[in-house]
C-alpha atoms as a PDB file:
ATOM      1  CA  MET A   1      44.123 -33.295   3.095  1.00  0.00           C
ATOM      2  CA  LYS A   2      44.789 -30.088   5.057  1.00  0.00           C
ATOM      3  CA  LYS A   3      43.693 -27.982   2.069  1.00  0.00           C
ATOM      4  CA  LEU A   4      40.472 -29.974   1.813  1.00  0.00           C
ATOM      5  CA  SER A   5      39.761 -29.451   5.536  1.00  0.00           C
ATOM      6  CA  VAL A   6      40.360 -25.705   5.205  1.00  0.00           C
ATOM      7  CA  TRP A   7      37.988 -25.503   2.234  1.00  0.00           C
ATOM      8  CA  VAL A   8      35.313 -27.482   4.112  1.00  0.00           C
ATOM      9  CA  VAL A   9      35.579 -25.080   7.077  1.00  0.00           C
ATOM     10  CA  VAL A  10      35.424 -22.060   4.743  1.00  0.00           C
ATOM     11  CA  ALA A  11      32.402 -23.504   2.941  1.00  0.00           C
ATOM     12  CA  LEU A  12      30.635 -24.160   6.265  1.00  0.00           C
ATOM     13  CA  LEU A  13      31.359 -20.600   7.414  1.00  0.00           C
ATOM     14  CA  ILE A  14      29.973 -19.181   4.171  1.00  0.00           C
ATOM     15  CA  LEU A  15      26.826 -21.335   4.421  1.00  0.00           C
ATOM     16  CA  SER A  16      26.308 -20.385   8.070  1.00  0.00           C
ATOM     17  CA  ALA A  17      26.727 -16.689   7.293  1.00  0.00           C
ATOM     18  CA  GLY A  18      24.098 -16.991   4.562  1.00  0.00           C
ATOM     19  CA  SER A  19      21.775 -18.824   6.918  1.00  0.00           C
ATOM     20  CA  LEU A  20      22.296 -16.205   9.633  1.00  0.00           C
ATOM     21  CA  ALA A  21      21.595 -13.438   7.133  1.00  0.00           C
ATOM     22  CA  GLN A  22      18.346 -15.153   6.124  1.00  0.00           C
ATOM     23  CA  ASP A  23      17.361 -15.547   9.812  1.00  0.00           C
ATOM     24  CA  GLU A  24      18.094 -11.851  10.417  1.00  0.00           C
ATOM     25  CA  ALA A  25      16.014 -10.890   7.377  1.00  0.00           C
ATOM     26  CA  LYS A  26      13.100 -12.985   8.691  1.00  0.00           C
ATOM     27  CA  LYS A  27      13.416 -11.393  12.159  1.00  0.00           C
ATOM     28  CA  SER A  28      13.524  -7.945  10.568  1.00  0.00           C
ATOM     29  CA  LYS A  29      10.319  -8.649   8.611  1.00  0.00           C
ATOM     30  CA  ALA A  30       8.606  -9.959  11.750  1.00  0.00           C
ATOM     31  CA  THR A  31       9.664  -6.913  13.750  1.00  0.00           C
ATOM     32  CA  LYS A  32       8.431  -4.556  11.057  1.00  0.00           C
ATOM     33  CA  GLY A  33       5.082  -6.347  10.984  1.00  0.00           C
ATOM     34  CA  ALA A  34       4.764  -6.203  14.770  1.00  0.00           C
ATOM     35  CA  SER A  35       5.695  -2.535  14.924  1.00  0.00           C
ATOM     36  CA  GLY A  36       3.203  -1.827  12.136  1.00  0.00           C
ATOM     37  CA  ALA A  37       0.468  -3.571  14.121  1.00  0.00           C
ATOM     38  CA  GLU A  38       1.588  -1.768  17.275  1.00  0.00           C
ATOM     39  CA  GLN A  39       1.333   1.527  15.415  1.00  0.00           C
ATOM     40  CA  GLN A  40      -2.157   0.612  14.169  1.00  0.00           C
ATOM     41  CA  ILE A  41      -3.287  -0.239  17.688  1.00  0.00           C
ATOM     42  CA  ALA A  42      -1.765   2.971  19.089  1.00  0.00           C
ATOM     43  CA  GLN A  43      -3.592   5.019  16.447  1.00  0.00           C
ATOM     44  CA  LEU A  44      -6.868   3.198  17.101  1.00  0.00           C
ATOM     45  CA  GLU A  45      -6.482   3.774  20.834  1.00  0.00           C
ATOM     46  CA  ASP A  46      -6.003   7.510  20.229  1.00  0.00           C
ATOM     47  CA  GLN A  47      -9.019   7.562  17.905  1.00  0.00           C
ATOM     48  CA  ALA A  48     -11.127   5.723  20.497  1.00  0.00           C
ATOM     49  CA  ARG A  49     -10.219   8.287  23.147  1.00  0.00           C
ATOM     50  CA  ASP A  50     -10.916  11.225  20.817  1.00  0.00           C
ATOM     51  CA  ALA A  51     -14.270   9.747  19.755  1.00  0.00           C
ATOM     52  CA  ALA A  52     -15.320   9.225  23.385  1.00  0.00           C
ATOM     53  CA  VAL A  53     -14.492  12.853  24.277  1.00  0.00           C
ATOM     54  CA  LYS A  54     -16.392  14.088  21.197  1.00  0.00           C
ATOM     55  CA  GLY A  55     -19.356  11.835  21.954  1.00  0.00           C
ATOM     56  CA  ASP A  56     -18.927  10.210  18.526  1.00  0.00           C
ATOM     57  CA  ALA A  57     -20.459   6.716  18.590  1.00  0.00           C
ATOM     58  CA  SER A  58     -19.519   6.000  14.970  1.00  0.00           C
ATOM     59  CA  PHE A  59     -16.061   4.849  16.075  1.00  0.00           C
ATOM     60  CA  LEU A  60     -17.676   2.229  18.321  1.00  0.00           C
ATOM     61  CA  GLU A  61     -20.102   1.169  15.603  1.00  0.00           C
ATOM     62  CA  LYS A  62     -17.160   0.519  13.306  1.00  0.00           C
ATOM     63  CA  HIS A  63     -14.668  -0.958  15.769  1.00  0.00           C
ATOM     64  CA  LEU A  64     -16.594  -2.990  18.358  1.00  0.00           C
ATOM     65  CA  ALA A  65     -16.709  -6.744  17.779  1.00  0.00           C
ATOM     66  CA  SER A  66     -20.191  -8.246  17.570  1.00  0.00           C
ATOM     67  CA  ASP A  67     -19.600 -10.072  20.874  1.00  0.00           C
ATOM     68  CA  TYR A  68     -17.965  -7.074  22.617  1.00  0.00           C
ATOM     69  CA  LEU A  69     -18.229  -6.824  26.401  1.00  0.00           C
ATOM     70  CA  ARG A  70     -17.322  -3.976  28.727  1.00  0.00           C
ATOM     71  CA  VAL A  71     -16.815  -4.373  32.443  1.00  0.00           C
ATOM     72  CA  ALA A  72     -17.430  -1.011  34.125  1.00  0.00           C
ATOM     73  CA  PRO A  73     -15.796   0.157  37.364  1.00  0.00           C
ATOM     74  CA  ASP A  74     -18.945  -0.795  39.299  1.00  0.00           C
ATOM     75  CA  GLY A  75     -18.785  -4.346  37.928  1.00  0.00           C
ATOM     76  CA  ASN A  76     -21.706  -3.962  35.530  1.00  0.00           C
ATOM     77  CA  VAL A  77     -21.327  -5.494  32.097  1.00  0.00           C
ATOM     78  CA  SER A  78     -22.390  -3.831  28.837  1.00  0.00           C
ATOM     79  CA  ASP A  79     -22.641  -5.409  25.414  1.00  0.00           C
ATOM     80  CA  ARG A  80     -21.903  -3.807  22.057  1.00  0.00           C
ATOM     81  CA  GLN A  81     -25.255  -2.077  21.565  1.00  0.00           C
ATOM     82  CA  GLN A  82     -25.418  -0.821  25.151  1.00  0.00           C
ATOM     83  CA  ALA A  83     -21.927   0.690  24.838  1.00  0.00           C
ATOM     84  CA  ILE A  84     -22.878   2.453  21.602  1.00  0.00           C
ATOM     85  CA  ASP A  85     -26.171   3.699  23.061  1.00  0.00           C
ATOM     86  CA  MET A  86     -24.453   5.125  26.170  1.00  0.00           C
ATOM     87  CA  ILE A  87     -22.449   7.450  23.933  1.00  0.00           C
ATOM     88  CA  LYS A  88     -25.293   8.199  21.510  1.00  0.00           C
ATOM     89  CA  ASN A  89     -27.850   9.117  24.169  1.00  0.00           C
ATOM     90  CA  GLY A  90     -25.383  10.958  26.417  1.00  0.00           C
ATOM     91  CA  THR A  91     -25.547   8.523  29.341  1.00  0.00           C
ATOM     92  CA  ALA A  92     -21.733   8.600  29.254  1.00  0.00           C
ATOM     93  CA  LYS A  93     -20.138  11.988  28.620  1.00  0.00           C
ATOM     94  CA  TYR A  94     -16.427  12.648  28.731  1.00  0.00           C
ATOM     95  CA  SER A  95     -14.828  16.089  28.882  1.00  0.00           C
ATOM     96  CA  SER A  96     -11.295  14.647  28.954  1.00  0.00           C
ATOM     97  CA  ILE A  97      -9.469  11.339  29.002  1.00  0.00           C
ATOM     98  CA  ASP A  98      -5.712  11.457  29.552  1.00  0.00           C
ATOM     99  CA  VAL A  99      -3.908   8.143  29.147  1.00  0.00           C
ATOM    100  CA  ALA A 100      -0.483   7.397  30.646  1.00  0.00           C
ATOM    101  CA  ASP A 101       1.664   4.297  31.009  1.00  0.00           C
ATOM    102  CA  ARG A 102       0.004   2.784  27.941  1.00  0.00           C
ATOM    103  CA  GLN A 103       1.486  -0.486  26.814  1.00  0.00           C
ATOM    104  CA  ASN A 104       0.472  -2.255  23.630  1.00  0.00           C
ATOM    105  CA  HIS A 105       1.092  -5.998  23.518  1.00  0.00           C
ATOM    106  CA  VAL A 106       0.471  -7.282  19.995  1.00  0.00           C
ATOM    107  CA  TYR A 107       0.157 -10.956  19.145  1.00  0.00           C
ATOM    108  CA  SER A 108      -0.617 -12.424  15.725  1.00  0.00           C
ATOM    109  CA  ASN A 109      -4.366 -11.651  15.626  1.00  0.00           C
ATOM    110  CA  ALA A 110      -4.859 -10.035  19.012  1.00  0.00           C
ATOM    111  CA  ALA A 111      -3.595  -7.128  21.068  1.00  0.00           C
ATOM    112  CA  VAL A 112      -3.927  -6.214  24.716  1.00  0.00           C
ATOM    113  CA  VAL A 113      -3.610  -2.585  25.732  1.00  0.00           C
ATOM    114  CA  THR A 114      -3.104  -1.551  29.339  1.00  0.00           C
ATOM    115  CA  GLY A 115      -2.683   1.842  30.903  1.00  0.00           C
ATOM    116  CA  LYS A 116      -3.820   4.470  33.361  1.00  0.00           C
ATOM    117  CA  ALA A 117      -6.593   6.869  32.371  1.00  0.00           C
ATOM    118  CA  THR A 118      -7.421  10.094  34.139  1.00  0.00           C
ATOM    119  CA  VAL A 119     -11.062  10.721  33.287  1.00  0.00           C
ATOM    120  CA  LYS A 120     -13.329  13.732  33.641  1.00  0.00           C
ATOM    121  CA  GLY A 121     -16.955  13.195  32.771  1.00  0.00           C
ATOM    122  CA  THR A 122     -20.345  11.943  33.878  1.00  0.00           C
ATOM    123  CA  MET A 123     -22.237   8.655  33.834  1.00  0.00           C
ATOM    124  CA  ASN A 124     -26.016   9.002  34.207  1.00  0.00           C
ATOM    125  CA  GLY A 125     -25.414  12.602  35.260  1.00  0.00           C
ATOM    126  CA  ASN A 126     -23.058  11.600  38.111  1.00  0.00           C
ATOM    127  CA  ALA A 127     -19.411  12.645  38.098  1.00  0.00           C
ATOM    128  CA  MET A 128     -16.977   9.865  37.284  1.00  0.00           C
ATOM    129  CA  ASP A 129     -13.820  11.938  37.565  1.00  0.00           C
ATOM    130  CA  GLY A 130     -10.812   9.940  38.654  1.00  0.00           C
ATOM    131  CA  ASP A 131      -7.956   7.662  37.793  1.00  0.00           C
ATOM    132  CA  TYR A 132      -8.593   4.224  36.334  1.00  0.00           C
ATOM    133  CA  ARG A 133      -6.581   1.225  35.202  1.00  0.00           C
ATOM    134  CA  ILE A 134      -7.722   0.096  31.798  1.00  0.00           C
ATOM    135  CA  THR A 135      -7.381  -3.072  29.759  1.00  0.00           C
ATOM    136  CA  ARG A 136      -8.665  -3.236  26.196  1.00  0.00           C
ATOM    137  CA  THR A 137      -8.494  -6.384  24.082  1.00  0.00           C
ATOM    138  CA  TRP A 138      -8.364  -6.070  20.304  1.00  0.00           C
ATOM    139  CA  VAL A 139      -8.848  -8.935  17.845  1.00  0.00           C
ATOM    140  CA  LYS A 140      -8.309  -8.996  14.120  1.00  0.00           C
ATOM    141  CA  GLN A 141     -11.497 -10.039  12.311  1.00  0.00           C
ATOM    142  CA  GLY A 142     -11.800  -9.957   8.553  1.00  0.00           C
ATOM    143  CA  GLY A 143      -8.538  -8.019   8.337  1.00  0.00           C
ATOM    144  CA  GLN A 144      -9.826  -5.275  10.666  1.00  0.00           C
ATOM    145  CA  TRP A 145      -8.951  -4.592  14.304  1.00  0.00           C
ATOM    146  CA  LYS A 146     -12.040  -4.858  16.541  1.00  0.00           C
ATOM    147  CA  ILE A 147     -12.423  -4.280  20.267  1.00  0.00           C
ATOM    148  CA  ALA A 148     -13.505  -7.526  21.925  1.00  0.00           C
ATOM    149  CA  ALA A 149     -13.390  -6.410  25.552  1.00  0.00           C
ATOM    150  CA  PHE A 150     -12.759  -3.345  27.713  1.00  0.00           C
ATOM    151  CA  HIS A 151     -12.293  -3.329  31.471  1.00  0.00           C
ATOM    152  CA  THR A 152     -11.852  -0.360  33.794  1.00  0.00           C
ATOM    153  CA  SER A 153     -11.040  -0.365  37.497  1.00  0.00           C
ATOM    154  CA  PRO A 154     -10.796   2.704  39.715  1.00  0.00           C
ATOM    155  CA  ILE A 155      -7.428   3.369  41.312  1.00  0.00           C
ATOM    156  CA  GLN A 156      -7.924   3.709  45.058  1.00  0.00           C
ATOM    157  CA  LYS A 157      -6.400   6.789  46.617  1.00  0.00           C
END
């Protein structure tokens, strides 16, 4: 009877080890997927910044969701076409955008990016130099990451 009990315990330990190994493999796959998505979002964020500084609206044309909304520091709201046009016609011009404290929070089909942006540029010919808190929301549509919303708030000195 003792031998049978020992073998039952050994069998249970072997089965639990296998189960734990499978759980670890699943966690590893999930982590790799999340870090891959985080890397994609980080790259897209860098591309968005570079495109804005270059005045290249093609990035926005490709990556803004059809129902995109932007809330500007003054509280005004812009839709997709207005955001694209502001870059195309030079209403918004950026000479530099330096982002710090960026955090990417990726969920299954969405990501929220927050950070601090130090901006140099003009809006309607008026300087908009300063520090801003930013929040950008990405959604996955048709297998592609699209920007659904972007909000900027000035940091008071």
